[in-house]
Amino acid sequence: MARPREHPSAAPLARLSARALGATFERALEARDGVQGAHAIHELWLRGEISLNVERMIARLWERASATVPEWLPMRYVDRLPEIYETAAQFHAGAKGRSNIYLVLLDYRDSRADPYGLYVGMTGYPPAQRFDQHKAGIRAAGSVLKRGLELLVGPTMHLQRIARRDAARIEEAFAEALRARGFFVQGGH
């Protein structure tokens, strides 16, 4: 789990100008600081930075600082990531527990106008382990097995280690809220 300074909701660079964010990103590359670089990318992304610029920054960060890039930074540009964050932020658990909500980016470039979909799931395993299980065919949802690209960790970091009853409620409501915003969603049952 990410330390507080690493968590995307910490938004440590939110007050910087776009120019200052660019400079911060370049310094992070020099220092091989994946966390600081991820925060710079994330902030620009949430401000609506051009997709090509975000893609290039992600590639440069992985090239220079792969060992320190936090798990919450997606490996590719996701057009509506800010909306996913906004939707996830609506949900909160009342009690601690052993369940986790997770989100998987699905690839529909071959069959839909919107190239990506989302899978919303609930698990007692760490989300990365559950994703690996899906991809290995273990209790796999077909959509994740066939189309799962990566976990989108950042939006659901606050929905980890929660009570099962809260997780079941949130999984369903989160999927519905994403559908209401026009996302193509699998899971959430």
C-alpha atoms as a PDB file:
ATOM      1  CA  MET A   1       0.000   0.000   0.000  1.00  0.00           C
ATOM      2  CA  ALA A   2       1.215   3.481  -0.821  1.00  0.00           C
ATOM      3  CA  ARG A   3       2.681   5.694   1.861  1.00  0.00           C
ATOM      4  CA  PRO A   4       0.794   9.009   2.355  1.00  0.00           C
ATOM      5  CA  ARG A   5       3.229  11.028   0.224  1.00  0.00           C
ATOM      6  CA  GLU A   6       2.802   8.488  -2.562  1.00  0.00           C
ATOM      7  CA  HIS A   7      -1.009   8.394  -2.557  1.00  0.00           C
ATOM      8  CA  PRO A   8      -2.525  10.249  -5.542  1.00  0.00           C
ATOM      9  CA  SER A   9      -5.169  11.911  -3.355  1.00  0.00           C
ATOM     10  CA  ALA A  10      -2.353  13.686  -1.486  1.00  0.00           C
ATOM     11  CA  ALA A  11      -2.080  15.909  -4.602  1.00  0.00           C
ATOM     12  CA  PRO A  12       1.195  17.447  -3.413  1.00  0.00           C
ATOM     13  CA  LEU A  13       1.644  19.385  -6.657  1.00  0.00           C
ATOM     14  CA  ALA A  14      -1.892  20.738  -7.029  1.00  0.00           C
ATOM     15  CA  ARG A  15      -0.841  24.362  -6.492  1.00  0.00           C
ATOM     16  CA  LEU A  16       1.885  24.357  -9.114  1.00  0.00           C
ATOM     17  CA  SER A  17       1.435  25.923 -12.535  1.00  0.00           C
ATOM     18  CA  ALA A  18       1.620  23.739 -15.620  1.00  0.00           C
ATOM     19  CA  ARG A  19       5.095  25.121 -16.306  1.00  0.00           C
ATOM     20  CA  ALA A  20       6.249  24.299 -12.773  1.00  0.00           C
ATOM     21  CA  LEU A  21       4.779  20.805 -13.102  1.00  0.00           C
ATOM     22  CA  GLY A  22       6.827  20.280 -16.253  1.00  0.00           C
ATOM     23  CA  ALA A  23       9.984  21.384 -14.452  1.00  0.00           C
ATOM     24  CA  THR A  24       9.138  19.142 -11.482  1.00  0.00           C
ATOM     25  CA  PHE A  25       8.703  16.222 -13.858  1.00  0.00           C
ATOM     26  CA  GLU A  26      12.092  16.856 -15.485  1.00  0.00           C
ATOM     27  CA  ARG A  27      13.781  17.025 -12.054  1.00  0.00           C
ATOM     28  CA  ALA A  28      12.070  13.767 -11.090  1.00  0.00           C
ATOM     29  CA  LEU A  29      13.478  12.110 -14.211  1.00  0.00           C
ATOM     30  CA  GLU A  30      16.976  13.371 -13.355  1.00  0.00           C
ATOM     31  CA  ALA A  31      16.653  12.019  -9.807  1.00  0.00           C
ATOM     32  CA  ARG A  32      14.946   8.810 -10.967  1.00  0.00           C
ATOM     33  CA  ASP A  33      12.118   9.678  -8.562  1.00  0.00           C
ATOM     34  CA  GLY A  34       9.110   7.734  -9.851  1.00  0.00           C
ATOM     35  CA  VAL A  35       6.792   9.008  -7.124  1.00  0.00           C
ATOM     36  CA  GLN A  36       7.432  12.700  -7.827  1.00  0.00           C
ATOM     37  CA  GLY A  37       7.267  12.087 -11.577  1.00  0.00           C
ATOM     38  CA  ALA A  38       3.984  10.188 -11.174  1.00  0.00           C
ATOM     39  CA  HIS A  39       2.498  13.053  -9.166  1.00  0.00           C
ATOM     40  CA  ALA A  40       3.484  15.541 -11.888  1.00  0.00           C
ATOM     41  CA  ILE A  41       1.944  13.382 -14.621  1.00  0.00           C
ATOM     42  CA  HIS A  42      -1.140  12.713 -12.540  1.00  0.00           C
ATOM     43  CA  GLU A  43      -1.718  16.406 -11.843  1.00  0.00           C
ATOM     44  CA  LEU A  44      -1.356  17.369 -15.498  1.00  0.00           C
ATOM     45  CA  TRP A  45      -3.595  14.474 -16.521  1.00  0.00           C
ATOM     46  CA  LEU A  46      -6.349  15.515 -14.136  1.00  0.00           C
ATOM     47  CA  ARG A  47      -6.101  19.067 -15.522  1.00  0.00           C
ATOM     48  CA  GLY A  48      -6.807  17.757 -19.023  1.00  0.00           C
ATOM     49  CA  GLU A  49      -3.298  17.629 -20.497  1.00  0.00           C
ATOM     50  CA  ILE A  50      -3.190  16.423 -24.109  1.00  0.00           C
ATOM     51  CA  SER A  51      -3.186  12.627 -24.284  1.00  0.00           C
ATOM     52  CA  LEU A  52      -0.065  12.419 -26.435  1.00  0.00           C
ATOM     53  CA  ASN A  53       1.875  14.450 -23.855  1.00  0.00           C
ATOM     54  CA  VAL A  54       0.683  12.214 -21.022  1.00  0.00           C
ATOM     55  CA  GLU A  55       1.598   9.072 -22.989  1.00  0.00           C
ATOM     56  CA  ARG A  56       5.082  10.413 -23.671  1.00  0.00           C
ATOM     57  CA  MET A  57       5.597  11.396 -20.037  1.00  0.00           C
ATOM     58  CA  ILE A  58       4.493   7.965 -18.821  1.00  0.00           C
ATOM     59  CA  ALA A  59       6.918   6.287 -21.236  1.00  0.00           C
ATOM     60  CA  ARG A  60       9.786   8.553 -20.169  1.00  0.00           C
ATOM     61  CA  LEU A  61       9.081   7.962 -16.489  1.00  0.00           C
ATOM     62  CA  TRP A  62       9.028   4.183 -16.933  1.00  0.00           C
ATOM     63  CA  GLU A  63      12.244   4.390 -18.917  1.00  0.00           C
ATOM     64  CA  ARG A  64      14.111   6.445 -16.290  1.00  0.00           C
ATOM     65  CA  ALA A  65      12.557   5.429 -12.961  1.00  0.00           C
ATOM     66  CA  SER A  66      10.722   2.127 -13.367  1.00  0.00           C
ATOM     67  CA  ALA A  67      11.828   0.798  -9.980  1.00  0.00           C
ATOM     68  CA  THR A  68      10.135   3.666  -8.136  1.00  0.00           C
ATOM     69  CA  VAL A  69       6.966   4.339 -10.166  1.00  0.00           C
ATOM     70  CA  PRO A  70       4.005   3.859  -7.799  1.00  0.00           C
ATOM     71  CA  GLU A  71       1.418   1.195  -8.621  1.00  0.00           C
ATOM     72  CA  TRP A  72      -1.366   3.771  -8.862  1.00  0.00           C
ATOM     73  CA  LEU A  73      -0.025   5.418 -12.030  1.00  0.00           C
ATOM     74  CA  PRO A  74      -1.671   3.744 -15.038  1.00  0.00           C
ATOM     75  CA  MET A  75       0.695   2.400 -17.661  1.00  0.00           C
ATOM     76  CA  ARG A  76      -1.260   4.012 -20.509  1.00  0.00           C
ATOM     77  CA  TYR A  77      -3.419   7.063 -21.104  1.00  0.00           C
ATOM     78  CA  VAL A  78      -7.041   6.601 -20.025  1.00  0.00           C
ATOM     79  CA  ASP A  79      -9.136   9.396 -21.487  1.00  0.00           C
ATOM     80  CA  ARG A  80     -11.701   9.705 -18.709  1.00  0.00           C
ATOM     81  CA  LEU A  81      -9.506   8.973 -15.688  1.00  0.00           C
ATOM     82  CA  PRO A  82     -10.557  12.185 -13.877  1.00  0.00           C
ATOM     83  CA  GLU A  83     -14.200  11.054 -14.081  1.00  0.00           C
ATOM     84  CA  ILE A  84     -13.279   7.648 -12.688  1.00  0.00           C
ATOM     85  CA  TYR A  85     -11.591   9.335  -9.722  1.00  0.00           C
ATOM     86  CA  GLU A  86     -14.602  11.616  -9.154  1.00  0.00           C
ATOM     87  CA  THR A  87     -16.976   8.674  -9.228  1.00  0.00           C
ATOM     88  CA  ALA A  88     -14.867   6.529  -6.890  1.00  0.00           C
ATOM     89  CA  ALA A  89     -14.530   9.417  -4.420  1.00  0.00           C
ATOM     90  CA  GLN A  90     -18.287   9.275  -3.789  1.00  0.00           C
ATOM     91  CA  PHE A  91     -17.927   5.958  -1.970  1.00  0.00           C
ATOM     92  CA  HIS A  92     -16.685   5.355   1.555  1.00  0.00           C
ATOM     93  CA  ALA A  93     -16.665   2.344   3.822  1.00  0.00           C
ATOM     94  CA  GLY A  94     -17.879   2.516   7.395  1.00  0.00           C
ATOM     95  CA  ALA A  95     -15.726  -0.241   8.830  1.00  0.00           C
ATOM     96  CA  LYS A  96     -12.334  -1.861   8.353  1.00  0.00           C
ATOM     97  CA  GLY A  97     -12.152  -5.436   7.165  1.00  0.00           C
ATOM     98  CA  ARG A  98     -10.445  -7.740   4.672  1.00  0.00           C
ATOM     99  CA  SER A  99     -12.245  -6.889   1.442  1.00  0.00           C
ATOM    100  CA  ASN A 100     -10.991  -4.734  -1.403  1.00  0.00           C
ATOM    101  CA  ILE A 101     -12.680  -2.999  -4.309  1.00  0.00           C
ATOM    102  CA  TYR A 102     -10.695  -3.080  -7.531  1.00  0.00           C
ATOM    103  CA  LEU A 103     -11.007  -1.703 -11.027  1.00  0.00           C
ATOM    104  CA  VAL A 104      -9.633  -3.254 -14.230  1.00  0.00           C
ATOM    105  CA  LEU A 105      -9.167  -1.431 -17.512  1.00  0.00           C
ATOM    106  CA  LEU A 106     -10.647  -3.534 -20.333  1.00  0.00           C
ATOM    107  CA  ASP A 107      -9.618  -3.380 -24.005  1.00  0.00           C
ATOM    108  CA  TYR A 108     -12.501  -3.005 -26.468  1.00  0.00           C
ATOM    109  CA  ARG A 109     -10.576  -1.376 -29.313  1.00  0.00           C
ATOM    110  CA  ASP A 110     -11.654  -4.189 -31.646  1.00  0.00           C
ATOM    111  CA  SER A 111     -15.384  -3.949 -31.019  1.00  0.00           C
ATOM    112  CA  ARG A 112     -16.573  -0.635 -29.569  1.00  0.00           C
ATOM    113  CA  ALA A 113     -16.341   3.050 -30.420  1.00  0.00           C
ATOM    114  CA  ASP A 114     -15.081   3.729 -26.887  1.00  0.00           C
ATOM    115  CA  PRO A 115     -11.842   1.711 -26.804  1.00  0.00           C
ATOM    116  CA  TYR A 116     -11.896   0.969 -23.076  1.00  0.00           C
ATOM    117  CA  GLY A 117     -14.295  -0.492 -20.574  1.00  0.00           C
ATOM    118  CA  LEU A 118     -14.047  -1.093 -16.845  1.00  0.00           C
ATOM    119  CA  TYR A 119     -14.509  -4.102 -14.619  1.00  0.00           C
ATOM    120  CA  VAL A 120     -15.510  -3.446 -11.005  1.00  0.00           C
ATOM    121  CA  GLY A 121     -14.761  -6.242  -8.571  1.00  0.00           C
ATOM    122  CA  MET A 122     -14.587  -7.101  -4.898  1.00  0.00           C
ATOM    123  CA  THR A 123     -12.068  -9.496  -3.378  1.00  0.00           C
ATOM    124  CA  GLY A 124     -10.465 -10.680  -0.193  1.00  0.00           C
ATOM    125  CA  TYR A 125      -7.135 -10.911  -2.024  1.00  0.00           C
ATOM    126  CA  PRO A 126      -4.845  -7.980  -2.780  1.00  0.00           C
ATOM    127  CA  PRO A 127      -6.174  -6.524  -6.062  1.00  0.00           C
ATOM    128  CA  ALA A 128      -2.954  -7.291  -7.984  1.00  0.00           C
ATOM    129  CA  GLN A 129      -3.166 -10.931  -6.931  1.00  0.00           C
ATOM    130  CA  ARG A 130      -6.841 -11.093  -7.912  1.00  0.00           C
ATOM    131  CA  PHE A 131      -6.047  -9.562 -11.311  1.00  0.00           C
ATOM    132  CA  ASP A 132      -3.354 -12.214 -11.833  1.00  0.00           C
ATOM    133  CA  GLN A 133      -5.905 -14.894 -10.932  1.00  0.00           C
ATOM    134  CA  HIS A 134      -8.346 -13.540 -13.519  1.00  0.00           C
ATOM    135  CA  LYS A 135      -5.618 -13.555 -16.171  1.00  0.00           C
ATOM    136  CA  ALA A 136      -4.649 -17.132 -15.223  1.00  0.00           C
ATOM    137  CA  GLY A 137      -8.271 -18.289 -15.539  1.00  0.00           C
ATOM    138  CA  ILE A 138      -8.805 -18.828 -11.803  1.00  0.00           C
ATOM    139  CA  ARG A 139     -12.427 -17.913 -10.983  1.00  0.00           C
ATOM    140  CA  ALA A 140     -12.038 -15.514 -13.882  1.00  0.00           C
ATOM    141  CA  ALA A 141     -14.551 -13.095 -15.273  1.00  0.00           C
ATOM    142  CA  GLY A 142     -14.423 -13.618 -19.037  1.00  0.00           C
ATOM    143  CA  SER A 143     -14.115  -9.901 -19.689  1.00  0.00           C
ATOM    144  CA  VAL A 144     -10.982  -9.647 -17.519  1.00  0.00           C
ATOM    145  CA  LEU A 145      -9.496 -12.898 -18.792  1.00  0.00           C
ATOM    146  CA  LYS A 146      -9.875 -11.866 -22.443  1.00  0.00           C
ATOM    147  CA  ARG A 147      -9.730  -8.077 -22.290  1.00  0.00           C
ATOM    148  CA  GLY A 148      -8.070  -7.070 -19.014  1.00  0.00           C
ATOM    149  CA  LEU A 149      -5.181  -4.669 -19.611  1.00  0.00           C
ATOM    150  CA  GLU A 150      -4.250  -3.441 -16.156  1.00  0.00           C
ATOM    151  CA  LEU A 151      -5.525  -2.539 -12.727  1.00  0.00           C
ATOM    152  CA  LEU A 152      -6.497   1.078 -12.170  1.00  0.00           C
ATOM    153  CA  VAL A 153      -5.258   1.278  -8.606  1.00  0.00           C
ATOM    154  CA  GLY A 154      -5.437   4.986  -7.843  1.00  0.00           C
ATOM    155  CA  PRO A 155      -9.202   5.542  -7.887  1.00  0.00           C
ATOM    156  CA  THR A 156      -9.913   2.731  -5.415  1.00  0.00           C
ATOM    157  CA  MET A 157      -7.021   3.077  -2.965  1.00  0.00           C
ATOM    158  CA  HIS A 158      -9.399   4.389  -0.305  1.00  0.00           C
ATOM    159  CA  LEU A 159     -11.587   1.296  -0.742  1.00  0.00           C
ATOM    160  CA  GLN A 160      -9.041  -1.275   0.452  1.00  0.00           C
ATOM    161  CA  ARG A 161      -9.273  -3.408   3.602  1.00  0.00           C
ATOM    162  CA  ILE A 162     -12.926  -2.616   4.201  1.00  0.00           C
ATOM    163  CA  ALA A 163     -15.763  -4.639   5.721  1.00  0.00           C
ATOM    164  CA  ARG A 164     -17.290  -7.212   3.379  1.00  0.00           C
ATOM    165  CA  ARG A 165     -20.809  -5.769   3.747  1.00  0.00           C
ATOM    166  CA  ASP A 166     -19.504  -2.326   2.741  1.00  0.00           C
ATOM    167  CA  ALA A 167     -17.523  -3.813  -0.137  1.00  0.00           C
ATOM    168  CA  ALA A 168     -20.571  -5.643  -1.521  1.00  0.00           C
ATOM    169  CA  ARG A 169     -22.650  -2.466  -1.372  1.00  0.00           C
ATOM    170  CA  ILE A 170     -19.913  -0.278  -2.858  1.00  0.00           C
ATOM    171  CA  GLU A 171     -19.028  -2.716  -5.653  1.00  0.00           C
ATOM    172  CA  GLU A 172     -22.579  -2.634  -6.990  1.00  0.00           C
ATOM    173  CA  ALA A 173     -23.159   1.091  -6.466  1.00  0.00           C
ATOM    174  CA  PHE A 174     -19.766   2.032  -7.951  1.00  0.00           C
ATOM    175  CA  ALA A 175     -20.456   0.003 -11.102  1.00  0.00           C
ATOM    176  CA  GLU A 176     -23.871   1.636 -11.452  1.00  0.00           C
ATOM    177  CA  ALA A 177     -22.447   5.126 -10.923  1.00  0.00           C
ATOM    178  CA  LEU A 178     -19.842   4.518 -13.634  1.00  0.00           C
ATOM    179  CA  ARG A 179     -22.545   3.230 -16.002  1.00  0.00           C
ATOM    180  CA  ALA A 180     -24.631   6.334 -15.261  1.00  0.00           C
ATOM    181  CA  ARG A 181     -21.662   8.417 -16.436  1.00  0.00           C
ATOM    182  CA  GLY A 182     -21.579   6.518 -19.722  1.00  0.00           C
ATOM    183  CA  PHE A 183     -18.786   4.028 -19.063  1.00  0.00           C
ATOM    184  CA  PHE A 184     -19.054   0.481 -20.379  1.00  0.00           C
ATOM    185  CA  VAL A 185     -18.840  -1.558 -17.171  1.00  0.00           C
ATOM    186  CA  GLN A 186     -18.570  -5.266 -16.478  1.00  0.00           C
ATOM    187  CA  GLY A 187     -18.810  -6.851 -13.019  1.00  0.00           C
ATOM    188  CA  GLY A 188     -20.205  -4.932 -10.092  1.00  0.00           C
ATOM    189  CA  HIS A 189     -22.533  -7.686  -8.902  1.00  0.00           C
END
